[in-house]
Amino acid sequence: MFTEKKAFTVAQSRKVLEAGLKWGLKPKIHADEINVLGGIDLAVELGAVSADHLLMTNDAGIEKLINSGVIPTVLPGTSTYLMESHHAPAKKMIEAGLPVAIASDHNPGSCQFLGANIIQSLAMLQLKMSASQALIAGTAHAAYALGLGDEIGAIEVGKSMDIALFDVKSYREIGYKVGQNFLYDLIIDGVPVYTE
């Protein structure tokens, strides 16, 4: 739900999201990209799976997300593609103990970056996340932002075996050497689907 001044108001967003809840849909809210309008408040109130964008999120918004169960999802590709002068306060969120996720927001209007490694790189460069923070944000935390954290996103007993194997000496190279394809094996649900 795009909750911003130029899109849907909080009241309109609530109406749509509550209707979705009645049909078993889990809310996801686009909030605080352009202005702080109350999208985070609504996300917390309705138990949204995630609140996305969060470029303008302030300390009060971060505080509201703590212990809410809402996954803050930042989209560094969008703020970079649009040449914004500011980016989501991901580092502050992480320091507050929030499980920050990263995503591409790939779309024709505001983000043409495609690929997990470039988003991981932008998270490191623009949002000042460490390589390990960006990797976790793009895997385990991203799975929870999709409402699938109990099924995918980490190598754990009981989860689907979805693994990307890279020809690197360290996981740090994945986001550091952007533009290079290090993928040599891709396994989805335990089945190899790509081998270099």
N, C-alpha and C. Protein backbone atom coordinates (compact mmCIF):
# COMPACT_ATOMS: atom_id res chain seq x y z
N MET A 1 0.84 -1.17 0.00
CA MET A 1 0.00 0.00 0.00
C MET A 1 0.89 1.23 0.00
N PHE A 2 0.72 2.08 -0.96
CA PHE A 2 1.54 3.27 -1.14
C PHE A 2 0.96 4.42 -0.30
N THR A 3 1.42 4.56 0.93
CA THR A 3 0.89 5.56 1.85
C THR A 3 1.81 6.78 1.86
N GLU A 4 1.49 7.73 1.01
CA GLU A 4 2.26 8.97 0.87
C GLU A 4 1.30 10.08 0.44
N LYS A 5 1.71 11.34 0.61
CA LYS A 5 0.86 12.48 0.25
C LYS A 5 0.40 12.44 -1.20
N LYS A 6 1.27 11.99 -2.11
CA LYS A 6 0.93 11.97 -3.52
C LYS A 6 0.24 10.68 -3.94
N ALA A 7 -0.09 9.84 -2.97
CA ALA A 7 -0.72 8.55 -3.30
C ALA A 7 -1.96 8.36 -2.42
N PHE A 8 -1.89 7.45 -1.44
CA PHE A 8 -3.03 7.16 -0.58
C PHE A 8 -2.82 7.72 0.81
N THR A 9 -3.88 8.28 1.39
CA THR A 9 -3.81 8.78 2.76
C THR A 9 -3.78 7.59 3.71
N VAL A 10 -3.53 7.88 4.97
CA VAL A 10 -3.54 6.82 5.98
C VAL A 10 -4.93 6.21 6.07
N ALA A 11 -5.97 7.03 6.03
CA ALA A 11 -7.35 6.52 6.10
C ALA A 11 -7.67 5.62 4.91
N GLN A 12 -7.28 6.05 3.72
CA GLN A 12 -7.52 5.22 2.53
C GLN A 12 -6.73 3.92 2.61
N SER A 13 -5.50 4.02 3.05
CA SER A 13 -4.65 2.83 3.19
C SER A 13 -5.25 1.85 4.20
N ARG A 14 -5.71 2.38 5.33
CA ARG A 14 -6.33 1.53 6.35
C ARG A 14 -7.52 0.77 5.76
N LYS A 15 -8.35 1.48 5.01
CA LYS A 15 -9.55 0.85 4.43
C LYS A 15 -9.17 -0.31 3.51
N VAL A 16 -8.19 -0.09 2.65
CA VAL A 16 -7.76 -1.13 1.71
C VAL A 16 -7.11 -2.30 2.45
N LEU A 17 -6.22 -1.98 3.38
CA LEU A 17 -5.49 -3.04 4.10
C LEU A 17 -6.41 -3.85 5.00
N GLU A 18 -7.38 -3.20 5.64
CA GLU A 18 -8.33 -3.95 6.47
C GLU A 18 -9.20 -4.86 5.62
N ALA A 19 -9.56 -4.41 4.42
CA ALA A 19 -10.31 -5.29 3.50
C ALA A 19 -9.46 -6.50 3.13
N GLY A 20 -8.19 -6.27 2.87
CA GLY A 20 -7.28 -7.37 2.55
C GLY A 20 -7.14 -8.35 3.70
N LEU A 21 -7.06 -7.81 4.93
CA LEU A 21 -6.96 -8.68 6.10
C LEU A 21 -8.16 -9.62 6.21
N LYS A 22 -9.33 -9.11 5.87
CA LYS A 22 -10.54 -9.95 5.92
C LYS A 22 -10.45 -11.13 4.96
N TRP A 23 -9.64 -10.99 3.92
CA TRP A 23 -9.47 -12.05 2.93
C TRP A 23 -8.17 -12.83 3.15
N GLY A 24 -7.52 -12.58 4.27
CA GLY A 24 -6.32 -13.34 4.61
C GLY A 24 -5.03 -12.79 4.03
N LEU A 25 -5.08 -11.59 3.46
CA LEU A 25 -3.87 -10.98 2.91
C LEU A 25 -3.08 -10.29 4.03
N LYS A 26 -1.78 -10.40 3.98
CA LYS A 26 -0.92 -9.77 4.97
C LYS A 26 -0.54 -8.38 4.49
N PRO A 27 -0.73 -7.35 5.32
CA PRO A 27 -0.40 -5.99 4.89
C PRO A 27 1.10 -5.76 4.70
N LYS A 28 1.42 -4.97 3.68
CA LYS A 28 2.76 -4.44 3.44
C LYS A 28 2.54 -2.96 3.12
N ILE A 29 3.34 -2.11 3.71
CA ILE A 29 3.13 -0.67 3.55
C ILE A 29 4.38 0.02 3.03
N HIS A 30 4.18 0.82 1.99
CA HIS A 30 5.20 1.73 1.45
C HIS A 30 5.07 3.00 2.29
N ALA A 31 6.07 3.29 3.11
CA ALA A 31 5.94 4.41 4.04
C ALA A 31 7.20 5.27 4.08
N ASP A 32 7.00 6.52 4.43
CA ASP A 32 8.09 7.46 4.71
C ASP A 32 9.12 7.61 3.59
N GLU A 33 8.72 7.38 2.35
CA GLU A 33 9.67 7.61 1.26
C GLU A 33 9.80 9.11 0.99
N ILE A 34 8.67 9.78 0.93
CA ILE A 34 8.65 11.20 0.56
C ILE A 34 8.45 12.08 1.79
N ASN A 35 7.59 11.63 2.69
CA ASN A 35 7.30 12.37 3.91
C ASN A 35 6.81 11.42 4.99
N VAL A 36 6.85 11.89 6.22
CA VAL A 36 6.35 11.10 7.34
C VAL A 36 4.87 11.43 7.48
N LEU A 37 4.04 10.46 7.10
CA LEU A 37 2.59 10.69 7.06
C LEU A 37 1.83 9.84 8.08
N GLY A 38 2.46 8.83 8.62
CA GLY A 38 1.78 7.92 9.54
C GLY A 38 1.73 6.50 9.03
N GLY A 39 2.48 6.22 7.99
CA GLY A 39 2.52 4.87 7.44
C GLY A 39 3.09 3.85 8.41
N ILE A 40 4.11 4.24 9.16
CA ILE A 40 4.68 3.33 10.15
C ILE A 40 3.67 3.05 11.25
N ASP A 41 2.97 4.08 11.69
CA ASP A 41 1.93 3.88 12.72
C ASP A 41 0.90 2.87 12.25
N LEU A 42 0.47 3.01 11.00
CA LEU A 42 -0.52 2.09 10.44
C LEU A 42 0.06 0.69 10.30
N ALA A 43 1.30 0.59 9.88
CA ALA A 43 1.95 -0.72 9.75
C ALA A 43 1.96 -1.44 11.10
N VAL A 44 2.32 -0.72 12.14
CA VAL A 44 2.38 -1.30 13.49
C VAL A 44 0.98 -1.66 13.97
N GLU A 45 0.03 -0.76 13.77
CA GLU A 45 -1.35 -0.99 14.20
C GLU A 45 -1.95 -2.24 13.57
N LEU A 46 -1.71 -2.43 12.27
CA LEU A 46 -2.33 -3.55 11.55
C LEU A 46 -1.45 -4.80 11.54
N GLY A 47 -0.28 -4.73 12.15
CA GLY A 47 0.61 -5.89 12.15
C GLY A 47 1.13 -6.22 10.77
N ALA A 48 1.53 -5.20 10.03
CA ALA A 48 2.03 -5.41 8.67
C ALA A 48 3.26 -6.31 8.68
N VAL A 49 3.44 -7.02 7.59
CA VAL A 49 4.62 -7.86 7.42
C VAL A 49 5.85 -6.96 7.33
N SER A 50 5.73 -5.87 6.59
CA SER A 50 6.87 -4.96 6.43
C SER A 50 6.39 -3.54 6.19
N ALA A 51 7.29 -2.61 6.46
CA ALA A 51 7.14 -1.21 6.08
C ALA A 51 8.35 -0.94 5.18
N ASP A 52 8.09 -0.49 3.96
CA ASP A 52 9.13 -0.39 2.94
C ASP A 52 9.46 1.06 2.57
N HIS A 53 10.64 1.27 2.10
CA HIS A 53 11.25 2.54 1.69
C HIS A 53 11.91 3.21 2.88
N LEU A 54 11.16 3.96 3.68
CA LEU A 54 11.62 4.52 4.95
C LEU A 54 12.74 5.55 4.84
N LEU A 55 12.83 6.24 3.72
CA LEU A 55 13.87 7.26 3.54
C LEU A 55 13.78 8.38 4.58
N MET A 56 12.57 8.78 4.92
CA MET A 56 12.37 9.91 5.82
C MET A 56 12.11 9.50 7.27
N THR A 57 12.19 8.23 7.55
CA THR A 57 11.90 7.74 8.90
C THR A 57 12.84 8.39 9.92
N ASN A 58 12.23 8.91 10.98
CA ASN A 58 13.00 9.59 12.03
C ASN A 58 13.15 8.67 13.25
N ASP A 59 13.75 9.19 14.29
CA ASP A 59 13.97 8.39 15.50
C ASP A 59 12.67 7.89 16.11
N ALA A 60 11.62 8.72 16.05
CA ALA A 60 10.32 8.30 16.59
C ALA A 60 9.77 7.11 15.80
N GLY A 61 9.94 7.13 14.48
CA GLY A 61 9.49 6.02 13.65
C GLY A 61 10.27 4.75 13.94
N ILE A 62 11.57 4.89 14.13
CA ILE A 62 12.40 3.73 14.47
C ILE A 62 11.94 3.15 15.80
N GLU A 63 11.68 4.00 16.76
CA GLU A 63 11.22 3.55 18.08
C GLU A 63 9.91 2.77 17.98
N LYS A 64 9.01 3.23 17.11
CA LYS A 64 7.72 2.54 16.94
C LYS A 64 7.89 1.15 16.33
N LEU A 65 8.91 0.98 15.51
CA LEU A 65 9.14 -0.31 14.86
C LEU A 65 9.74 -1.35 15.81
N ILE A 66 10.42 -0.88 16.85
CA ILE A 66 11.05 -1.81 17.79
C ILE A 66 9.98 -2.66 18.46
N ASN A 67 10.18 -3.96 18.46
CA ASN A 67 9.27 -4.95 19.07
C ASN A 67 7.88 -4.98 18.44
N SER A 68 7.73 -4.42 17.24
CA SER A 68 6.41 -4.39 16.58
C SER A 68 6.17 -5.63 15.73
N GLY A 69 7.23 -6.31 15.32
CA GLY A 69 7.09 -7.43 14.40
C GLY A 69 7.09 -7.00 12.94
N VAL A 70 7.06 -5.71 12.69
CA VAL A 70 7.08 -5.17 11.32
C VAL A 70 8.55 -5.12 10.86
N ILE A 71 8.84 -5.71 9.71
CA ILE A 71 10.21 -5.71 9.20
C ILE A 71 10.46 -4.43 8.40
N PRO A 72 11.41 -3.60 8.84
CA PRO A 72 11.75 -2.41 8.06
C PRO A 72 12.56 -2.84 6.83
N THR A 73 12.06 -2.49 5.66
CA THR A 73 12.71 -2.88 4.40
C THR A 73 13.16 -1.63 3.67
N VAL A 74 14.46 -1.53 3.48
CA VAL A 74 15.01 -0.36 2.81
C VAL A 74 15.37 -0.72 1.37
N LEU A 75 15.27 0.25 0.50
CA LEU A 75 15.42 0.04 -0.94
C LEU A 75 16.50 0.97 -1.48
N PRO A 76 17.76 0.64 -1.26
CA PRO A 76 18.84 1.56 -1.64
C PRO A 76 18.93 1.82 -3.14
N GLY A 77 18.43 0.93 -3.95
CA GLY A 77 18.45 1.15 -5.39
C GLY A 77 17.57 2.31 -5.80
N THR A 78 16.43 2.45 -5.14
CA THR A 78 15.49 3.53 -5.48
C THR A 78 16.07 4.89 -5.15
N SER A 79 16.57 5.05 -3.93
CA SER A 79 17.11 6.36 -3.56
C SER A 79 18.33 6.72 -4.40
N THR A 80 19.11 5.72 -4.79
CA THR A 80 20.27 5.98 -5.65
C THR A 80 19.82 6.31 -7.07
N TYR A 81 18.90 5.53 -7.62
CA TYR A 81 18.42 5.73 -8.98
C TYR A 81 17.77 7.11 -9.14
N LEU A 82 17.03 7.54 -8.12
CA LEU A 82 16.37 8.84 -8.16
C LEU A 82 17.30 9.99 -7.74
N MET A 83 18.56 9.65 -7.45
CA MET A 83 19.57 10.63 -7.04
C MET A 83 19.11 11.46 -5.85
N GLU A 84 18.52 10.78 -4.88
CA GLU A 84 18.09 11.44 -3.65
C GLU A 84 19.31 11.92 -2.87
N SER A 85 19.14 12.99 -2.14
CA SER A 85 20.25 13.51 -1.33
C SER A 85 20.36 12.79 0.00
N HIS A 86 19.39 11.95 0.31
CA HIS A 86 19.40 11.21 1.56
C HIS A 86 18.97 9.77 1.30
N HIS A 87 19.24 8.92 2.27
CA HIS A 87 18.90 7.51 2.16
C HIS A 87 18.26 7.06 3.47
N ALA A 88 17.64 5.90 3.44
CA ALA A 88 17.01 5.36 4.65
C ALA A 88 18.05 5.19 5.76
N PRO A 89 17.65 5.46 7.00
CA PRO A 89 18.58 5.35 8.13
C PRO A 89 18.77 3.90 8.58
N ALA A 90 19.21 3.05 7.67
CA ALA A 90 19.34 1.62 7.95
C ALA A 90 20.30 1.35 9.12
N LYS A 91 21.40 2.05 9.14
CA LYS A 91 22.40 1.82 10.20
C LYS A 91 21.80 2.12 11.58
N LYS A 92 21.04 3.21 11.68
CA LYS A 92 20.39 3.56 12.94
C LYS A 92 19.38 2.48 13.34
N MET A 93 18.67 1.96 12.35
CA MET A 93 17.69 0.91 12.62
C MET A 93 18.38 -0.35 13.13
N ILE A 94 19.49 -0.71 12.51
CA ILE A 94 20.24 -1.89 12.93
C ILE A 94 20.78 -1.68 14.35
N GLU A 95 21.31 -0.50 14.61
CA GLU A 95 21.83 -0.20 15.95
C GLU A 95 20.73 -0.24 17.00
N ALA A 96 19.47 0.01 16.58
CA ALA A 96 18.33 -0.06 17.50
C ALA A 96 17.83 -1.50 17.67
N GLY A 97 18.48 -2.44 16.96
CA GLY A 97 18.10 -3.85 17.10
C GLY A 97 17.06 -4.33 16.12
N LEU A 98 16.75 -3.54 15.11
CA LEU A 98 15.73 -3.93 14.13
C LEU A 98 16.32 -4.87 13.07
N PRO A 99 15.53 -5.85 12.62
CA PRO A 99 15.98 -6.78 11.58
C PRO A 99 15.75 -6.18 10.19
N VAL A 100 16.60 -5.29 9.78
CA VAL A 100 16.44 -4.57 8.52
C VAL A 100 16.61 -5.51 7.33
N ALA A 101 15.68 -5.38 6.37
CA ALA A 101 15.76 -6.13 5.11
C ALA A 101 16.10 -5.15 4.00
N ILE A 102 16.72 -5.66 2.94
CA ILE A 102 16.94 -4.86 1.74
C ILE A 102 16.22 -5.54 0.58
N ALA A 103 15.79 -4.72 -0.37
CA ALA A 103 15.12 -5.24 -1.56
C ALA A 103 15.43 -4.31 -2.73
N SER A 104 15.12 -4.76 -3.93
CA SER A 104 15.48 -3.99 -5.12
C SER A 104 14.48 -2.90 -5.48
N ASP A 105 13.20 -3.13 -5.28
CA ASP A 105 12.15 -2.22 -5.76
C ASP A 105 12.24 -2.04 -7.27
N HIS A 106 12.73 -3.05 -7.96
CA HIS A 106 12.90 -2.95 -9.42
C HIS A 106 11.56 -2.62 -10.08
N ASN A 107 11.54 -1.52 -10.81
CA ASN A 107 10.34 -1.09 -11.53
C ASN A 107 10.76 -0.09 -12.60
N PRO A 108 9.91 0.16 -13.59
CA PRO A 108 10.31 1.03 -14.70
C PRO A 108 10.41 2.51 -14.35
N GLY A 109 9.82 2.94 -13.24
CA GLY A 109 9.79 4.36 -12.95
C GLY A 109 10.84 4.88 -12.00
N SER A 110 11.21 4.07 -11.00
CA SER A 110 12.10 4.63 -9.99
C SER A 110 13.29 3.75 -9.61
N CYS A 111 13.42 2.58 -10.24
CA CYS A 111 14.60 1.76 -9.95
C CYS A 111 14.81 0.72 -11.03
N GLN A 112 15.84 0.93 -11.82
CA GLN A 112 16.18 -0.02 -12.89
C GLN A 112 17.33 -0.94 -12.50
N PHE A 113 17.77 -0.88 -11.25
CA PHE A 113 18.81 -1.80 -10.79
C PHE A 113 18.19 -3.17 -10.62
N LEU A 114 18.86 -4.17 -11.19
CA LEU A 114 18.34 -5.53 -11.11
C LEU A 114 19.45 -6.46 -10.65
N GLY A 115 19.20 -7.19 -9.61
CA GLY A 115 20.19 -8.14 -9.12
C GLY A 115 20.51 -7.91 -7.66
N ALA A 116 20.54 -9.00 -6.93
CA ALA A 116 20.78 -8.91 -5.49
C ALA A 116 22.16 -8.35 -5.15
N ASN A 117 23.17 -8.66 -5.98
CA ASN A 117 24.51 -8.20 -5.62
C ASN A 117 24.66 -6.68 -5.73
N ILE A 118 24.00 -6.05 -6.68
CA ILE A 118 24.11 -4.58 -6.76
C ILE A 118 23.35 -3.92 -5.62
N ILE A 119 22.22 -4.50 -5.21
CA ILE A 119 21.47 -3.95 -4.08
C ILE A 119 22.28 -4.11 -2.80
N GLN A 120 22.94 -5.25 -2.66
CA GLN A 120 23.82 -5.46 -1.50
C GLN A 120 24.95 -4.43 -1.51
N SER A 121 25.52 -4.18 -2.67
CA SER A 121 26.59 -3.20 -2.79
C SER A 121 26.09 -1.80 -2.42
N LEU A 122 24.92 -1.42 -2.93
CA LEU A 122 24.36 -0.10 -2.61
C LEU A 122 24.04 0.03 -1.12
N ALA A 123 23.61 -1.06 -0.51
CA ALA A 123 23.34 -1.04 0.93
C ALA A 123 24.63 -0.75 1.69
N MET A 124 25.72 -1.31 1.21
CA MET A 124 27.02 -1.08 1.85
C MET A 124 27.52 0.35 1.58
N LEU A 125 27.41 0.80 0.33
CA LEU A 125 27.93 2.11 -0.04
C LEU A 125 27.07 3.27 0.44
N GLN A 126 25.77 3.19 0.18
CA GLN A 126 24.87 4.31 0.47
C GLN A 126 24.32 4.29 1.90
N LEU A 127 24.07 3.09 2.43
CA LEU A 127 23.44 2.99 3.74
C LEU A 127 24.43 2.68 4.85
N LYS A 128 25.70 2.51 4.47
CA LYS A 128 26.79 2.27 5.43
C LYS A 128 26.63 0.95 6.20
N MET A 129 25.98 -0.03 5.57
CA MET A 129 25.85 -1.34 6.19
C MET A 129 27.15 -2.12 5.95
N SER A 130 27.49 -2.99 6.89
CA SER A 130 28.66 -3.85 6.69
C SER A 130 28.27 -4.95 5.70
N ALA A 131 29.26 -5.67 5.20
CA ALA A 131 28.98 -6.76 4.26
C ALA A 131 28.08 -7.81 4.89
N SER A 132 28.32 -8.14 6.15
CA SER A 132 27.49 -9.16 6.81
C SER A 132 26.08 -8.63 7.05
N GLN A 133 25.93 -7.36 7.41
CA GLN A 133 24.60 -6.79 7.61
C GLN A 133 23.82 -6.79 6.30
N ALA A 134 24.48 -6.44 5.20
CA ALA A 134 23.81 -6.41 3.90
C ALA A 134 23.43 -7.82 3.45
N LEU A 135 24.29 -8.79 3.71
CA LEU A 135 24.00 -10.18 3.33
C LEU A 135 22.80 -10.71 4.11
N ILE A 136 22.78 -10.49 5.41
CA ILE A 136 21.65 -10.94 6.23
C ILE A 136 20.37 -10.20 5.84
N ALA A 137 20.50 -8.90 5.55
CA ALA A 137 19.33 -8.10 5.16
C ALA A 137 18.72 -8.59 3.85
N GLY A 138 19.56 -9.10 2.96
CA GLY A 138 19.07 -9.57 1.66
C GLY A 138 18.67 -11.03 1.64
N THR A 139 18.85 -11.74 2.74
CA THR A 139 18.50 -13.16 2.79
C THR A 139 17.49 -13.43 3.90
N ALA A 140 17.97 -13.67 5.11
CA ALA A 140 17.08 -14.03 6.22
C ALA A 140 16.04 -12.95 6.50
N HIS A 141 16.48 -11.69 6.61
CA HIS A 141 15.52 -10.63 6.92
C HIS A 141 14.58 -10.36 5.75
N ALA A 142 15.08 -10.48 4.53
CA ALA A 142 14.22 -10.30 3.36
C ALA A 142 13.13 -11.37 3.31
N ALA A 143 13.47 -12.58 3.70
CA ALA A 143 12.46 -13.65 3.74
C ALA A 143 11.35 -13.30 4.72
N TYR A 144 11.71 -12.77 5.89
CA TYR A 144 10.69 -12.36 6.86
C TYR A 144 9.87 -11.19 6.33
N ALA A 145 10.49 -10.29 5.57
CA ALA A 145 9.76 -9.16 4.98
C ALA A 145 8.73 -9.62 3.96
N LEU A 146 8.92 -10.83 3.44
CA LEU A 146 7.94 -11.42 2.51
C LEU A 146 6.93 -12.30 3.23
N GLY A 147 7.09 -12.43 4.54
CA GLY A 147 6.21 -13.31 5.30
C GLY A 147 6.58 -14.77 5.15
N LEU A 148 7.81 -15.05 4.70
CA LEU A 148 8.25 -16.42 4.42
C LEU A 148 9.46 -16.83 5.27
N GLY A 149 9.75 -16.09 6.31
CA GLY A 149 10.93 -16.34 7.11
C GLY A 149 10.99 -17.69 7.78
N ASP A 150 9.85 -18.31 8.01
CA ASP A 150 9.84 -19.65 8.61
C ASP A 150 10.09 -20.74 7.57
N GLU A 151 10.09 -20.36 6.29
CA GLU A 151 10.23 -21.34 5.21
C GLU A 151 11.54 -21.22 4.43
N ILE A 152 12.03 -20.00 4.25
CA ILE A 152 13.21 -19.75 3.42
C ILE A 152 14.10 -18.69 4.06
N GLY A 153 15.23 -18.41 3.43
CA GLY A 153 16.06 -17.27 3.83
C GLY A 153 17.30 -17.61 4.64
N ALA A 154 17.39 -18.83 5.13
CA ALA A 154 18.55 -19.23 5.92
C ALA A 154 18.75 -20.74 5.77
N ILE A 155 19.95 -21.18 6.00
CA ILE A 155 20.25 -22.61 5.96
C ILE A 155 19.96 -23.17 7.34
N GLU A 156 18.74 -23.69 7.50
CA GLU A 156 18.29 -24.22 8.79
C GLU A 156 17.44 -25.46 8.55
N VAL A 157 17.45 -26.36 9.51
CA VAL A 157 16.62 -27.56 9.44
C VAL A 157 15.16 -27.13 9.32
N GLY A 158 14.45 -27.73 8.38
CA GLY A 158 13.03 -27.46 8.20
C GLY A 158 12.73 -26.39 7.16
N LYS A 159 13.74 -25.66 6.72
CA LYS A 159 13.52 -24.64 5.70
C LYS A 159 13.87 -25.20 4.33
N SER A 160 13.25 -24.63 3.31
CA SER A 160 13.53 -25.01 1.94
C SER A 160 15.01 -24.77 1.64
N MET A 161 15.60 -25.70 0.91
CA MET A 161 17.01 -25.55 0.58
C MET A 161 17.16 -24.68 -0.67
N ASP A 162 17.19 -23.38 -0.46
CA ASP A 162 17.42 -22.41 -1.52
C ASP A 162 18.79 -21.80 -1.26
N ILE A 163 19.75 -22.12 -2.11
CA ILE A 163 21.13 -21.68 -1.87
C ILE A 163 21.76 -21.17 -3.16
N ALA A 164 22.40 -20.02 -3.06
CA ALA A 164 23.22 -19.51 -4.15
C ALA A 164 24.67 -19.67 -3.71
N LEU A 165 25.45 -20.37 -4.52
CA LEU A 165 26.87 -20.58 -4.21
C LEU A 165 27.71 -19.69 -5.13
N PHE A 166 28.65 -18.98 -4.53
CA PHE A 166 29.46 -18.02 -5.27
C PHE A 166 30.92 -18.43 -5.27
N ASP A 167 31.60 -18.17 -6.37
CA ASP A 167 33.02 -18.46 -6.51
C ASP A 167 33.82 -17.28 -5.98
N VAL A 168 33.84 -17.14 -4.65
CA VAL A 168 34.56 -16.05 -3.99
C VAL A 168 35.31 -16.61 -2.78
N LYS A 169 36.30 -15.89 -2.33
CA LYS A 169 37.05 -16.30 -1.14
C LYS A 169 36.32 -15.92 0.14
N SER A 170 35.50 -14.88 0.05
CA SER A 170 34.77 -14.39 1.22
C SER A 170 33.43 -13.83 0.76
N TYR A 171 32.42 -13.94 1.61
CA TYR A 171 31.11 -13.36 1.30
C TYR A 171 31.20 -11.85 1.08
N ARG A 172 32.23 -11.23 1.59
CA ARG A 172 32.41 -9.78 1.43
C ARG A 172 32.58 -9.36 -0.03
N GLU A 173 33.08 -10.27 -0.85
CA GLU A 173 33.32 -9.96 -2.26
C GLU A 173 32.02 -9.81 -3.05
N ILE A 174 30.94 -10.42 -2.59
CA ILE A 174 29.68 -10.41 -3.35
C ILE A 174 29.18 -8.98 -3.56
N GLY A 175 29.13 -8.19 -2.52
CA GLY A 175 28.69 -6.81 -2.65
C GLY A 175 29.81 -5.84 -2.97
N TYR A 176 31.04 -6.26 -2.72
CA TYR A 176 32.19 -5.38 -2.94
C TYR A 176 32.56 -5.28 -4.42
N LYS A 177 32.55 -6.39 -5.11
CA LYS A 177 32.93 -6.42 -6.53
C LYS A 177 31.67 -6.46 -7.40
N VAL A 178 30.91 -5.41 -7.33
CA VAL A 178 29.65 -5.33 -8.06
C VAL A 178 29.92 -5.30 -9.57
N GLY A 179 29.03 -5.93 -10.32
CA GLY A 179 29.18 -5.98 -11.77
C GLY A 179 29.77 -7.28 -12.25
N GLN A 180 30.30 -8.06 -11.34
CA GLN A 180 30.85 -9.37 -11.70
C GLN A 180 29.87 -10.45 -11.25
N ASN A 181 29.71 -11.47 -12.07
CA ASN A 181 28.82 -12.57 -11.71
C ASN A 181 29.66 -13.70 -11.12
N PHE A 182 29.57 -13.87 -9.83
CA PHE A 182 30.31 -14.91 -9.13
C PHE A 182 29.49 -16.18 -8.93
N LEU A 183 28.25 -16.17 -9.34
CA LEU A 183 27.37 -17.32 -9.11
C LEU A 183 27.86 -18.53 -9.89
N TYR A 184 28.01 -19.67 -9.20
CA TYR A 184 28.36 -20.88 -9.94
C TYR A 184 27.38 -22.01 -9.69
N ASP A 185 26.59 -21.95 -8.66
CA ASP A 185 25.53 -22.94 -8.44
C ASP A 185 24.33 -22.26 -7.81
N LEU A 186 23.15 -22.62 -8.28
CA LEU A 186 21.91 -22.13 -7.69
C LEU A 186 21.01 -23.32 -7.45
N ILE A 187 20.59 -23.48 -6.21
CA ILE A 187 19.74 -24.59 -5.80
C ILE A 187 18.45 -24.01 -5.25
N ILE A 188 17.33 -24.43 -5.82
CA ILE A 188 16.01 -23.96 -5.37
C ILE A 188 15.22 -25.17 -4.88
N ASP A 189 14.77 -25.09 -3.64
CA ASP A 189 14.01 -26.18 -3.02
C ASP A 189 14.74 -27.52 -3.15
N GLY A 190 16.05 -27.47 -3.00
CA GLY A 190 16.86 -28.68 -3.04
C GLY A 190 17.22 -29.18 -4.42
N VAL A 191 16.78 -28.47 -5.46
CA VAL A 191 17.03 -28.90 -6.84
C VAL A 191 17.99 -27.93 -7.53
N PRO A 192 19.12 -28.43 -8.05
CA PRO A 192 20.03 -27.54 -8.79
C PRO A 192 19.33 -27.01 -10.05
N VAL A 193 19.31 -25.69 -10.20
CA VAL A 193 18.66 -25.08 -11.37
C VAL A 193 19.66 -24.34 -12.25
N TYR A 194 20.87 -24.13 -11.73
CA TYR A 194 21.90 -23.45 -12.52
C TYR A 194 23.26 -23.92 -12.04
N THR A 195 24.13 -24.24 -12.97
CA THR A 195 25.51 -24.58 -12.65
C THR A 195 26.41 -23.94 -13.70
N GLU A 196 27.43 -23.24 -13.23
CA GLU A 196 28.37 -22.58 -14.13
C GLU A 196 29.25 -23.61 -14.80
